[in-house]
Amino acid sequence: MNLPKPEHFSDLQLSPIMMRSLEKLGWSAPSPIQAGVIPYALEGYDVLGQARTGTGKTASFAIPILEQLDPFSENPYPQALVMVPTRELAAQVHGEFEKLAYGCPTRVLEISGGKHMRRQLKALSEGVQVVVGTPGRVIDHLQRGSLRLDRLWCVVLDEADRMLDIGFRPSIERILRRCPENRQTLLLSATLDERIRELANRYLYEPVVVDCSENDVSVETIEQRFITVSPENKMPVLIELLDREQPPQAIIFCRTKIGTAKLHNRLEKHFRSNPSNAVRLGMIHGDMNQSQRDAVFRALREGELQILVATDVVGRGIDVSSISHIINYDLPSDCDDYVHRVGRTGRMGRSGIAFLFVSKDEGEQLTEIEHRINRLLERDPLSEPVPSKRPSPVVVSDDSVERPATRKFGEAKTEGTKPRWNRLRRKV
């Protein structure tokens, strides 16, 4: 079964209440990942979806879940479970569900570490329809007996590659084994590497593959440059760059928590000594408690912060559409981290610019990043002279790339094959 991709949300025959929510949000046309996932999810198929961040992945599973919920069921146990890698992403996904469920009595609960356990226990005892949580806290509630999964009909693994990166695979598998066999499973990931395919082979039933990745994994609307700079000159060059760019809102990425704190303090002193150039500055790293991190993210989303100095704790899954500049003050640990850092700007088609600080002995890492994104970074005029030459990456043109099949993971689904799960959509 090959379903047509909708050009407008009205092509999906969504319920009137969902159409009103989409209209309230100002959404008329689905993004590519939404157009690819939603039709199959509504028909009950398992879906393996690949797309970079900032493409509307959350709505691609939230809309079909909300459309198929039974809001008037007397069953107090969750009907859908969404697992995400971080507390911040759990809060973001929860907020997206709340927006899309506007006008309909839907009980969505966020369960993650750093939140009040008593409130979560109370909400679960009163009954919820959708649970959004991190694997660790989901396991915690399962052990307490406060969360029951035997009435689930849908499970979502969002940012699955990131969950595997940080060691959640045993927890994920433990949770999936507790879920009903006759369920719908949606797996969303930025990459479809061997680990993801192995997970999909084990826990998804004949999934439809929706591949919205691009040969150029970096966002088309993001200008990307590198600046060659010696370690001792990084701070003066950063100040010069900020003075030149005057970013409306920027994230400066550091590799370590200590480095983040040091750079934040140095920038704070600099701007304090220049009151004519006042900048609202913030910092976030893994040692901060959850209430502090929530406050920083809230200030960032509401535009109260102009510059955020951060570790890779914000490299994934945080959707702040107003970020105009990304500055990689330290090289990331690997190329994928670079892709996700840069993905914080240029969200949903907006323009953005990213800078990468590189010392003279880091040319090899720069080349690896260029290989990864299949694109040469432009040298910024602030760069210091570099005597040595770095190898030029092989940039493959779009025309010479054989793209993988985008419909099916494994053998193609034959015409007339019925999905295991096909619920009636909510009619309101």
Protein backbone atom coordinates (compact mmCIF):
# COMPACT_ATOMS: atom_id res chain seq x y z
CA MET A 1 0.00 0.00 0.00
CA ASN A 2 1.53 3.27 -1.15
CA LEU A 3 -0.30 6.22 0.38
CA PRO A 4 -0.13 9.63 -1.33
CA LYS A 5 1.68 12.42 0.48
CA PRO A 6 -0.66 15.26 1.46
CA GLU A 7 0.14 18.79 0.36
CA HIS A 8 -2.13 20.34 2.98
CA PHE A 9 -3.40 19.15 6.36
CA SER A 10 -6.90 19.31 4.92
CA ASP A 11 -5.96 16.41 2.62
CA LEU A 12 -5.60 14.11 5.66
CA GLN A 13 -9.29 14.14 6.65
CA LEU A 14 -8.41 15.09 10.21
CA SER A 15 -11.10 15.74 12.80
CA PRO A 16 -12.56 19.27 13.00
CA ILE A 17 -11.04 19.84 16.42
CA MET A 18 -7.56 18.97 15.14
CA MET A 19 -8.02 21.27 12.14
CA ARG A 20 -8.96 24.08 14.54
CA SER A 21 -5.81 23.42 16.58
CA LEU A 22 -3.64 23.49 13.45
CA GLU A 23 -5.31 26.69 12.30
CA LYS A 24 -4.70 28.24 15.72
CA LEU A 25 -1.00 27.33 15.39
CA GLY A 26 -0.89 28.79 11.89
CA TRP A 27 -0.06 25.46 10.23
CA SER A 28 -1.54 24.79 6.81
CA ALA A 29 0.94 22.49 5.05
CA PRO A 30 2.76 19.53 6.64
CA SER A 31 6.55 19.34 6.64
CA PRO A 32 8.10 16.44 4.66
CA ILE A 33 8.40 14.18 7.72
CA GLN A 34 4.81 14.96 8.72
CA ALA A 35 3.54 14.30 5.20
CA GLY A 36 5.43 11.01 5.14
CA VAL A 37 4.58 9.66 8.61
CA ILE A 38 1.05 10.85 9.41
CA PRO A 39 -0.87 9.01 6.64
CA TYR A 40 0.68 5.64 7.54
CA ALA A 41 0.41 6.24 11.29
CA LEU A 42 -3.29 7.04 10.90
CA GLU A 43 -3.76 3.73 9.09
CA GLY A 44 -2.08 1.82 11.92
CA TYR A 45 1.24 0.90 10.30
CA ASP A 46 4.48 0.72 12.22
CA VAL A 47 6.77 3.48 10.93
CA LEU A 48 10.53 3.92 10.89
CA GLY A 49 11.14 7.61 10.19
CA GLN A 50 14.41 9.37 9.52
CA ALA A 51 14.72 13.16 9.55
CA ARG A 52 17.03 15.78 10.96
CA THR A 53 16.00 17.96 13.89
CA GLY A 54 13.90 21.05 13.33
CA THR A 55 11.62 19.42 10.74
CA GLY A 56 8.46 18.95 12.82
CA LYS A 57 9.04 15.35 13.90
CA THR A 58 7.02 15.75 17.11
CA ALA A 59 3.80 16.63 15.29
CA SER A 60 4.33 13.70 12.93
CA PHE A 61 3.47 11.30 15.76
CA ALA A 62 1.48 13.60 18.07
CA ILE A 63 -1.22 14.31 15.46
CA PRO A 64 -2.04 10.64 14.67
CA ILE A 65 -1.95 9.71 18.37
CA LEU A 66 -4.36 12.49 19.30
CA GLU A 67 -6.59 11.62 16.35
CA GLN A 68 -6.91 8.03 17.50
CA LEU A 69 -7.23 8.52 21.27
CA ASP A 70 -10.49 7.71 22.95
CA PRO A 71 -10.89 10.82 25.14
CA PHE A 72 -14.01 9.45 26.83
CA SER A 73 -12.65 6.02 27.74
CA GLU A 74 -13.17 4.98 31.37
CA ASN A 75 -9.82 3.15 31.19
CA PRO A 76 -7.45 5.12 33.47
CA TYR A 77 -4.30 3.60 32.00
CA PRO A 78 -2.21 5.25 29.24
CA GLN A 79 -3.15 4.59 25.64
CA ALA A 80 0.13 5.92 24.21
CA LEU A 81 3.71 6.11 25.49
CA VAL A 82 6.36 8.43 24.03
CA MET A 83 9.96 7.84 25.10
CA VAL A 84 12.60 10.56 24.62
CA PRO A 85 16.27 10.81 25.65
CA THR A 86 16.30 13.96 27.80
CA ARG A 87 14.21 15.86 30.33
CA GLU A 88 14.23 18.96 28.14
CA LEU A 89 12.89 17.06 25.14
CA ALA A 90 10.21 15.46 27.33
CA ALA A 91 9.02 18.93 28.35
CA GLN A 92 9.06 20.09 24.74
CA VAL A 93 7.11 17.07 23.42
CA HIS A 94 4.60 17.42 26.27
CA GLY A 95 4.07 21.06 25.32
CA GLU A 96 3.52 20.13 21.67
CA PHE A 97 0.84 17.61 22.64
CA GLU A 98 -0.88 20.24 24.78
CA LYS A 99 -0.95 22.71 21.87
CA LEU A 100 -2.26 20.16 19.38
CA ALA A 101 -4.89 18.89 21.86
CA TYR A 102 -6.33 22.38 22.32
CA GLY A 103 -10.08 22.25 22.83
CA CYS A 104 -10.29 18.53 23.58
CA PRO A 105 -10.19 16.92 27.06
CA THR A 106 -6.85 15.11 26.74
CA ARG A 107 -4.68 14.16 29.71
CA VAL A 108 -0.98 14.17 28.80
CA LEU A 109 1.63 13.58 31.51
CA GLU A 110 5.36 14.27 31.42
CA ILE A 111 7.43 11.91 33.58
CA SER A 112 11.16 12.56 33.83
CA GLY A 113 13.86 12.97 36.43
CA GLY A 114 14.10 16.26 38.27
CA LYS A 115 10.31 16.61 38.37
CA HIS A 116 8.10 16.16 41.44
CA MET A 117 7.48 12.44 41.88
CA ARG A 118 4.43 13.05 44.07
CA ARG A 119 2.66 14.99 41.31
CA GLN A 120 3.44 12.25 38.79
CA LEU A 121 2.10 9.56 41.10
CA LYS A 122 -1.08 11.55 41.71
CA ALA A 123 -1.67 12.14 37.99
CA LEU A 124 -1.09 8.47 37.14
CA SER A 125 -3.49 7.36 39.87
CA GLU A 126 -6.18 9.69 38.49
CA GLY A 127 -5.64 8.41 34.94
CA VAL A 128 -3.84 9.77 31.87
CA GLN A 129 -4.11 9.04 28.17
CA VAL A 130 -0.58 9.86 26.96
CA VAL A 131 2.69 9.53 28.86
CA VAL A 132 5.81 11.34 27.64
CA GLY A 133 8.92 10.33 29.53
CA THR A 134 12.57 9.39 29.70
CA PRO A 135 13.35 5.66 29.91
CA GLY A 136 14.87 5.91 33.38
CA ARG A 137 11.79 7.50 34.95
CA VAL A 138 9.45 5.15 33.06
CA ILE A 139 11.35 2.19 34.57
CA ASP A 140 11.08 3.85 37.99
CA HIS A 141 7.27 4.04 37.73
CA LEU A 142 7.05 0.48 36.43
CA GLN A 143 8.98 -0.75 39.46
CA ARG A 144 6.68 1.22 41.78
CA GLY A 145 3.63 -0.22 40.07
CA SER A 146 2.32 3.31 39.42
CA LEU A 147 2.50 2.93 35.62
CA ARG A 148 0.73 0.17 33.73
CA LEU A 149 1.39 -0.45 30.05
CA ASP A 150 -1.03 -3.31 29.33
CA ARG A 151 -3.61 -0.97 27.69
CA LEU A 152 -1.17 0.77 25.33
CA TRP A 153 -1.93 0.72 21.63
CA CYS A 154 0.91 3.03 20.53
CA VAL A 155 4.58 3.39 21.51
CA VAL A 156 6.89 6.09 20.13
CA LEU A 157 10.68 6.10 20.32
CA ASP A 158 11.70 9.68 19.55
CA GLU A 159 15.37 10.59 18.94
CA ALA A 160 16.07 6.85 19.13
CA ASP A 161 19.69 7.22 18.05
CA ARG A 162 20.35 9.63 20.89
CA MET A 163 18.74 7.26 23.41
CA LEU A 164 21.10 4.52 22.23
CA ASP A 165 24.06 6.92 22.34
CA ILE A 166 23.57 7.58 26.05
CA GLY A 167 23.08 3.95 27.00
CA PHE A 168 19.30 3.61 27.22
CA ARG A 169 19.02 0.47 25.09
CA PRO A 170 18.58 -1.98 28.04
CA SER A 171 15.88 0.25 29.53
CA ILE A 172 14.12 0.67 26.17
CA GLU A 173 14.04 -3.08 25.58
CA ARG A 174 12.86 -3.73 29.11
CA ILE A 175 9.98 -1.29 28.62
CA LEU A 176 9.05 -2.61 25.17
CA ARG A 177 8.85 -6.16 26.55
CA ARG A 178 6.23 -4.89 29.01
CA CYS A 179 4.11 -3.37 26.24
CA PRO A 180 1.31 -5.28 24.47
CA GLU A 181 2.46 -7.24 21.42
CA ASN A 182 -0.49 -5.98 19.43
CA ARG A 183 0.52 -2.34 19.32
CA GLN A 184 1.60 0.30 16.86
CA THR A 185 5.26 1.38 17.13
CA LEU A 186 6.71 4.56 15.65
CA LEU A 187 10.49 5.01 15.70
CA LEU A 188 11.94 8.42 14.80
CA SER A 189 15.67 8.94 14.42
CA ALA A 190 18.14 11.35 12.83
CA THR A 191 20.17 8.38 11.56
CA LEU A 192 19.36 4.82 10.51
CA ASP A 193 22.60 3.14 11.47
CA GLU A 194 23.02 -0.56 12.25
CA ARG A 195 21.91 -0.16 15.87
CA ILE A 196 18.63 1.48 14.83
CA ARG A 197 17.97 -1.15 12.17
CA GLU A 198 18.61 -3.93 14.68
CA LEU A 199 16.17 -2.32 17.14
CA ALA A 200 13.58 -1.91 14.38
CA ASN A 201 14.01 -5.53 13.25
CA ARG A 202 13.29 -6.74 16.75
CA TYR A 203 10.43 -4.51 17.85
CA LEU A 204 8.69 -3.11 14.75
CA TYR A 205 6.27 -5.12 12.61
CA GLU A 206 6.86 -4.70 8.86
CA PRO A 207 7.54 -0.97 9.29
CA VAL A 208 7.06 1.54 6.54
CA VAL A 209 10.29 3.51 6.14
CA VAL A 210 9.92 7.27 5.71
CA ASP A 211 13.32 8.70 4.81
CA CYS A 212 13.36 12.48 4.91
CA SER A 213 17.11 12.71 5.34
CA GLU A 214 19.03 14.72 2.80
CA ASN A 215 22.29 14.00 1.07
CA ASP A 216 23.43 17.28 2.57
CA VAL A 217 22.74 16.55 6.22
CA SER A 218 23.28 20.19 7.12
CA VAL A 219 20.34 22.51 6.78
CA GLU A 220 20.23 24.25 3.42
CA THR A 221 19.36 27.61 4.93
CA ILE A 222 22.35 27.60 7.30
CA GLU A 223 25.54 29.34 6.22
CA GLN A 224 28.52 27.53 7.73
CA ARG A 225 32.02 28.96 8.21
CA PHE A 226 35.21 28.03 10.02
CA ILE A 227 37.62 30.37 11.78
CA THR A 228 41.23 29.31 12.26
CA VAL A 229 42.41 30.58 15.62
CA SER A 230 45.14 29.67 18.10
CA PRO A 231 43.87 28.54 21.53
CA GLU A 232 45.22 31.64 23.31
CA ASN A 233 43.35 33.96 20.90
CA LYS A 234 39.96 32.25 20.98
CA MET A 235 38.42 34.65 23.49
CA PRO A 236 39.50 37.89 21.67
CA VAL A 237 38.32 36.44 18.35
CA LEU A 238 34.99 35.44 19.93
CA ILE A 239 34.48 39.01 21.20
CA GLU A 240 35.35 40.38 17.76
CA LEU A 241 32.93 37.95 16.13
CA LEU A 242 30.10 38.90 18.49
CA ASP A 243 30.78 42.60 17.92
CA ARG A 244 30.70 42.09 14.18
CA GLU A 245 27.65 39.83 14.00
CA GLN A 246 25.49 41.37 16.78
CA PRO A 247 23.45 38.13 16.93
CA PRO A 248 19.79 38.50 17.93
CA GLN A 249 20.09 35.15 19.71
CA ALA A 250 23.10 32.81 19.75
CA ILE A 251 24.31 29.58 21.35
CA ILE A 252 28.04 29.18 22.02
CA PHE A 253 28.99 25.52 22.40
CA CYS A 254 31.83 24.32 24.63
CA ARG A 255 33.00 20.74 25.06
CA THR A 256 33.13 20.54 28.88
CA LYS A 257 31.14 21.78 31.86
CA ILE A 258 34.21 23.50 33.32
CA GLY A 259 34.99 25.17 30.00
CA THR A 260 31.38 26.36 29.74
CA ALA A 261 31.47 27.94 33.20
CA LYS A 262 34.84 29.61 32.54
CA LEU A 263 33.77 31.08 29.20
CA HIS A 264 30.47 32.29 30.69
CA ASN A 265 32.35 34.07 33.50
CA ARG A 266 34.80 35.68 31.08
CA LEU A 267 31.98 36.90 28.82
CA GLU A 268 30.07 38.18 31.84
CA LYS A 269 33.09 40.23 32.96
CA HIS A 270 33.62 41.57 29.45
CA PHE A 271 30.04 42.75 28.99
CA ARG A 272 29.92 44.12 32.53
CA SER A 273 32.94 46.26 31.73
CA ASN A 274 31.22 47.51 28.57
CA PRO A 275 27.80 48.73 29.77
CA SER A 276 27.14 50.40 26.42
CA ASN A 277 27.08 46.94 24.85
CA ALA A 278 24.86 45.17 27.38
CA VAL A 279 24.07 41.56 26.53
CA ARG A 280 21.67 39.21 28.29
CA LEU A 281 23.83 36.16 28.96
CA GLY A 282 22.96 32.65 30.18
CA MET A 283 24.67 29.31 30.79
CA ILE A 284 23.60 25.68 30.88
CA HIS A 285 25.42 22.40 31.51
CA GLY A 286 24.78 18.99 33.03
CA ASP A 287 25.73 19.90 36.61
CA MET A 288 22.87 22.37 36.93
CA ASN A 289 19.72 21.06 38.62
CA GLN A 290 16.52 20.64 36.67
CA SER A 291 14.79 23.78 37.93
CA GLN A 292 17.81 25.87 36.90
CA ARG A 293 17.90 24.25 33.46
CA ASP A 294 14.16 24.75 32.99
CA ALA A 295 14.51 28.43 33.89
CA VAL A 296 17.31 28.92 31.35
CA PHE A 297 15.40 27.18 28.55
CA ARG A 298 12.29 29.18 29.38
CA ALA A 299 14.25 32.43 29.19
CA LEU A 300 15.80 31.33 25.89
CA ARG A 301 12.44 30.47 24.33
CA GLU A 302 10.87 33.71 25.52
CA GLY A 303 13.72 35.78 24.08
CA GLU A 304 15.02 36.96 27.44
CA LEU A 305 18.51 35.60 26.69
CA GLN A 306 20.63 36.89 23.82
CA ILE A 307 23.60 34.56 24.27
CA LEU A 308 23.61 31.09 25.79
CA VAL A 309 26.91 29.34 26.62
CA ALA A 310 26.27 25.60 26.73
CA THR A 311 27.55 22.07 26.52
CA ASP A 312 25.97 19.51 24.21
CA VAL A 313 23.09 19.17 26.68
CA VAL A 314 21.28 21.48 24.23
CA GLY A 315 22.77 19.87 21.13
CA ARG A 316 19.73 17.68 20.59
CA GLY A 317 15.99 17.99 20.62
CA ILE A 318 15.52 21.57 21.85
CA ASP A 319 13.38 23.51 19.42
CA VAL A 320 13.96 27.27 19.79
CA SER A 321 13.13 28.77 16.43
CA SER A 322 14.65 32.20 17.14
CA ILE A 323 18.32 31.07 17.31
CA SER A 324 20.17 33.01 14.60
CA HIS A 325 23.80 32.08 15.32
CA ILE A 326 25.67 28.97 16.44
CA ILE A 327 29.30 29.33 17.53
CA ASN A 328 31.31 26.16 18.05
CA TYR A 329 33.89 27.60 20.44
CA ASP A 330 35.24 24.06 20.98
CA LEU A 331 35.20 21.34 18.37
CA PRO A 332 32.51 18.74 19.14
CA SER A 333 33.44 15.22 20.20
CA ASP A 334 32.26 13.75 16.89
CA CYS A 335 30.81 14.82 13.55
CA ASP A 336 27.22 13.97 14.45
CA ASP A 337 27.42 16.31 17.44
CA TYR A 338 28.41 19.07 15.02
CA VAL A 339 25.36 18.34 12.86
CA HIS A 340 23.05 18.51 15.87
CA ARG A 341 24.66 21.66 17.26
CA VAL A 342 24.26 23.44 13.93
CA GLY A 343 20.68 22.18 13.74
CA ARG A 344 19.76 24.53 16.61
CA THR A 345 19.58 27.34 14.05
CA GLY A 346 17.81 27.42 10.69
CA ARG A 347 14.74 25.81 12.28
CA MET A 348 11.72 25.09 10.08
CA GLY A 349 13.29 26.74 7.03
CA ARG A 350 14.55 29.91 8.72
CA SER A 351 17.98 31.23 7.85
CA GLY A 352 20.92 30.95 10.22
CA ILE A 353 24.70 30.97 10.40
CA ALA A 354 27.17 28.71 12.19
CA PHE A 355 30.85 29.26 13.01
CA LEU A 356 33.45 26.65 13.91
CA PHE A 357 36.64 27.60 15.76
CA VAL A 358 39.56 25.44 14.55
CA SER A 359 43.19 25.51 15.67
CA LYS A 360 46.04 24.72 13.28
CA ASP A 361 46.35 21.13 14.57
CA GLU A 362 42.59 20.42 14.19
CA GLY A 363 42.49 20.41 10.38
CA GLU A 364 41.82 16.69 10.28
CA GLN A 365 38.68 17.06 12.44
CA LEU A 366 37.48 19.89 10.21
CA THR A 367 37.91 17.67 7.15
CA GLU A 368 35.98 14.85 8.84
CA ILE A 369 33.11 17.25 9.54
CA GLU A 370 33.11 18.37 5.90
CA HIS A 371 33.04 14.75 4.77
CA ARG A 372 30.09 14.13 7.12
CA ILE A 373 28.00 17.01 5.83
CA ASN A 374 29.23 16.60 2.23
CA ARG A 375 30.01 20.27 2.06
CA LEU A 376 33.03 22.58 2.25
CA LEU A 377 32.87 25.16 5.02
CA GLU A 378 33.69 28.72 4.03
CA ARG A 379 36.76 30.34 5.60
CA ASP A 380 35.79 33.42 7.62
CA PRO A 381 37.85 36.65 7.28
CA LEU A 382 38.55 36.58 11.04
CA SER A 383 40.74 33.52 10.49
CA GLU A 384 44.40 33.60 11.34
CA PRO A 385 46.89 32.57 8.62
CA VAL A 386 47.44 28.81 8.55
CA PRO A 387 50.76 27.68 7.08
CA SER A 388 49.90 24.01 6.68
CA LYS A 389 47.42 22.66 4.17
CA ARG A 390 44.63 20.35 5.17
CA PRO A 391 43.34 17.61 2.85
CA SER A 392 40.35 18.52 0.72
CA PRO A 393 37.32 16.33 1.27
CA VAL A 394 35.60 14.60 -1.61
CA VAL A 395 32.27 16.35 -2.02
CA VAL A 396 29.76 14.16 -3.80
CA SER A 397 27.31 15.90 -6.07
CA ASP A 398 23.60 15.27 -5.66
CA ASP A 399 23.34 13.76 -9.14
CA SER A 400 25.85 10.98 -8.42
CA VAL A 401 24.27 9.81 -5.15
CA GLU A 402 22.06 6.75 -5.23
CA ARG A 403 19.47 7.41 -2.55
CA PRO A 404 18.13 4.47 -0.54
CA ALA A 405 14.56 3.31 -0.96
CA THR A 406 12.36 5.45 1.25
CA ARG A 407 9.32 3.27 1.70
CA LYS A 408 10.18 0.01 3.33
CA PHE A 409 12.67 -1.35 5.80
CA GLY A 410 13.20 -4.91 4.65
CA GLU A 411 10.94 -6.40 1.99
CA ALA A 412 8.32 -4.22 0.36
CA LYS A 413 4.81 -4.37 1.76
CA THR A 414 2.50 -5.95 -0.79
CA GLU A 415 -0.73 -4.40 -1.94
CA GLY A 416 -3.67 -5.24 0.24
CA THR A 417 -1.64 -6.12 3.33
CA LYS A 418 -3.55 -4.91 6.35
CA PRO A 419 -1.82 -3.32 9.33
CA ARG A 420 -2.00 -5.12 12.66
CA TRP A 421 -3.60 -2.10 14.28
CA ASN A 422 -6.23 0.17 12.79
CA ARG A 423 -8.27 2.21 15.24
CA LEU A 424 -11.17 4.43 14.27
CA ARG A 425 -10.19 8.06 14.31
CA ARG A 426 -11.66 10.37 16.87
CA LYS A 427 -14.66 12.26 15.52
CA VAL A 428 -15.41 15.48 17.37
